Structures are given as structure tokens and as C-alpha cells.
């Protein structure tokens, strides 16, 4: 475990932490309501012609600082099971929530309380569910990361997760236990609220995932050694559906798993209406460029941040990212291809051109579309342009004193065989969590020094280094500015970096160039803000977030293989508040029995930990 001052020794991709040495009252989050809300009637209701409204609140409400409660509790039950599935017509083993992939939708309204009871019915795996994108304000214990905030849930046991919906938009839930999400344990999490543009119909979420006849766990032995014979996965799915190549080439000994029951995802649009689509990339290793032939998309949200609407013919969706878009059914009423737009320049895929669905203007049609795409494939493996994704609620980073510390991050072979990524190479290399002893337990107990180096934990916030423990009490905002500079000599690809517990502000980024040490051209005024941002290939990015949410917050690459290879770091924010129990009020009475159950069961598990665990 490291304090801010020790960060100069950090290595493995470039990372740098900076907190202003002498912040003043002007530092921090500065939100400005410069949008024109003259057309909004106080108390107006959300409708197809007034989507910016939300009762007493609206699209201009500062959701970071306006925390309200509706008095409504939404309660759900999830069973995590091992099942036989054939989403593309080829039968194999999967893991899923309530027997479906994607799992059932969890929905709530802005300001609701959400309770989810998760039961582990897997025969020989632990599990833990992360609520991807949810801020978990003062609620770190329910973030769902094994070895960091909890012990895994043992087979046959349950855990109840609770959180308050302080944001709105499109999120998701997924297992954070090793590679289980890549086995199918994921689903949509939608928080209803206002929007930056009007629409008629919310058609829900559309997941884009990669897929293969072999499971993620079966591939891990190859990927862990960075074996050059691994040429990517075999296909992909749109909302858990596709038609695979299941031709029986050997009629004498046909493959019994080729059951040939795959089908395309179909979306029926109502002519003349505007439809809200919620796009989610939950792939293991793949980039997508969503489009619908002949139709424009109006983007209104990036992750859980509403954005100023902009029109485009395609949307770049990286792993862990979500986009809310509006599609108007204003074209000739026929059938069109909905294209995943798999970016083969980033990673190969055996069925890249056929990861698609069908858009129909009539549910009676069964024809295959004949539409042709005019979209130019980007091939850059990056996000939507930062200058396009402008947050509707403006937040500036102002008056930062001092400079930015810089570190270097890289991937390398460990013991000459296994590829590992890490922050803090000098202290042992890669992240490796201990499922049996979650780091949050040590923090709550006030024993931070007992956290192993391999947990890759860095302290930021009050009571660290020169920080004054009274700063939050006097209303001053502390900040972290992190520069990640990727100099991997092995592969040059982008890395979708996801931060738990916060939205990140993207101050600067560039491909194939190192940071030059200056901040002159950084975007301090209302920069792009989201929870998943791509680190450009062989380049750098500078991100910032306010220290306003005590907890252990995991920052990691959302390429599943890389997370398993240790590409992550955990930010320990305002440790004294966690130890005092303000943000972990009931952690101990709930966590200790679960950890005791895990420590009793785990020695009998047939599958010992073989990766970073997250």
C-alpha cells in the first residue's frame, strides 16, 4: 500500500497522481447552469415532448451535489447459475444471471433505493457482482469487487447489495470475479431520469459482446502466456443473439454441439417515432462501431453523463462504455442492418462482418435486409471524440496549483513466460488480490499497513502527506490528476480504463506520443466526463476527479484479459472516514460472516486462483 509521496516509484503504464499542494476556495468542482432552461416549467412532467423535465428536478439539476430520495425501494433477486447455452447455435457451458444472457434488467428511477439479492448457484465458483457506473456515494462496501470490497459469495449462499440511485442513465451489472463476466454474467441496469433531447419510445438496452465456442476460462491458459497462436474470439453477439457458422462439414461424425438454433436480434421501429437505444459494450476484448444503415443517431449520453446532443452516422463503443442514442424512424419503411461494426484493426475475430442485428419497420416482415452501409470504419480503437461528448451539466477544473507527477506503465513477461500488466512495477509488478482478505477490512480496522503490496493500493485524500484533514469540513475540494502513459513494447493497443466510484474528467490524451510534461493545452473547462475512458495506444491520457467519495475505488483496464493480468490499481480515498465508519457503517457485521464462509469453502474448491482475481 502506498501513499501519494511514494508514487514516484510507480511503473507499469504511465500513471501519475497529483493533488494540489495548497488548494484554495476556488479549487474544485465548479458547476455552471449555462444551458437555457427558460422553456422548463417548474414541476413539469417527463413526456415525449418534455424529456428534460423530471418533476421537481430537471436536466439542469446538479446531480453530484443534489442528493434526494424518492422514498421508493426497488428490490430484485438474481441467481447466478451455470447453464448450457447456444446463443449463436453452438451449445456450450455458460454462466448467467437468472438463466439468461444478458441477465434481467434492473430498473429504477433517479432518487430510488435499489436492493438486489444475489444468490450464488454455481457449483464450483465464488462470485461477486459489480454495479458498473454507479457512484456508490458513501457506500463503498457494496461496490462488488472480490479481494477489495468483499469476500466472494460461496456456492449456495447469498449477498444483499444496496445502493441509492444518485445518477440517471444507462449502467450495467456484471460479475467481477475473475473471468465470469466473459462467461455471461452481466445484465442491464437502467436509472430513469431526464434526457437532453426528446424521444417517443425507450426500447431499452442493446449489448455488444464477443463470443466463442470455447469459454473464457478455457482461453485463459493461452492468453495468460500471451501465446501468439491466440487469434481472437470466433464471433460476437448482439443482445445475446447471432447466427453462427454451424455447418456440419463432417457428416460421418457431426459435432453434436452444432444445434443450429441461432437467430438475429431484431428491433422493430414505429414509423415516424423517435426511439431511445441504450448501447453497451460488455465484450472481453473487442471494439464496436454501432450504426444502422440509412439512419443517423443523436447521442444524448455517454456512460452516466448526459451530453449536449450531437448527430452522427455511427458510435464508437469501447469495452465498459455505454451510449444513449436516439434513432428516428424517418426512412423508407423496410428492413435495415443494425451493425456492430467490429473493429478488426484492434483485434481479430472470426465472424467480424456478421456481428449484426436487424431493424424492421414492421414486425410482420421476415426478410433479410438488403441495405448497404455508408459508414466509414474508424479502425482507431478509441472513443467518440472528446470535443463531441460535451457534458450537459458543465463542470470545470479550476485553479490547480503545482505540477503533475508522471510515471510510466508497461506490460512485460513475468518469470519469462506470463504476460503481466501493473501499476507500481518497482514493488512487485502486477496486481493480485486476496479473495480471503479484502483490503477494505484492513482499512475499516485502521490497519492499512497490513495490506499486501500486491493489492496495488495508493492513498489519496484527507490525512495523506501534507493534506489537511479539515479541508472537506471547510468546503474545499481536493483533486487527483492522474497521467497514464502507455509504453508497452509488446503490443500497441488502446486500453478502456474504468474507474469505480467516480466520473473522470478527460483533460488530455494522444496516441503514439508521450506526455511532454506541460498542461498548457489541457481542457480544464467542462471537459469530457465519464467513468470509462480509453488510454490511446502507445500514448497517454490525463484524467482528474474530485475526492468527494471515501472508499477503495478500483481503476483498471476493461479488457478482461488485461484485468486478469494485473492491469489495475485501487485508490484508497479518505481512509480515515472509512475507518470511522461513515462510509462503511455495516461492513463488519455483514462481511465477517461472508469471509468466514469463504475461508471455510475455498480450500475445497477445485479451481484455485490463477489470475488477479478481478
Foldseek 3Di string as FASTA:
>chain_A
DAALVVQLLKAAFKKFKDWFLDFDLPFDWDWDQPDDPVVDDQQDPDALACLQDHGNDGVQDPLVPDAAAPPAEAEEEWEWEWDWDDQQQFTDIFIATPPDFPHDEAEEAARYKYKYKYAYQYPFDFWWKAWQLAQCFLAFLNRTAFLANFFTFDHGGIDMHIGTRSFFAWTKMAINFACRVQRRYIHIYGYDGGWQHGFHEEPEEKEKEADASDGPVVCLVCVQQPNPVDQDHAGIAISSFFHDPLDQPPPVDGDPRNRRPTDFDEAADAAQGKYKYKYAYAYQFWKFKKAKFPWKKWWQDKRRFGFNTDIDRIFIHAHSIMIIIITHNHDDQAKIKTARHTQVLFGHYNHRRGHIHMYGNDPVDDDDDPGDHPDDRDNQQFGDDQVRGFGSGKIFRDDRDDFIDMYRREWDDDPPGGIFGEISCVQPGFAARDSLNHQLVCLLQVNNVPHDVNNQEYEDEAPGDSHDNCQVVVPTWIKIKMKTAYQYPPDFHKFWKFKHNAKKFWFDKDAQDEDPRDSVRTGRIRTRIGGIGIHGTRIMTMIMTILNGAYWMKIAGSNSSRVQSGGIHTYGGPSVCSNVCSSPVPSVVSRVVSSVVCVVCVVVRPDDRDTSRD
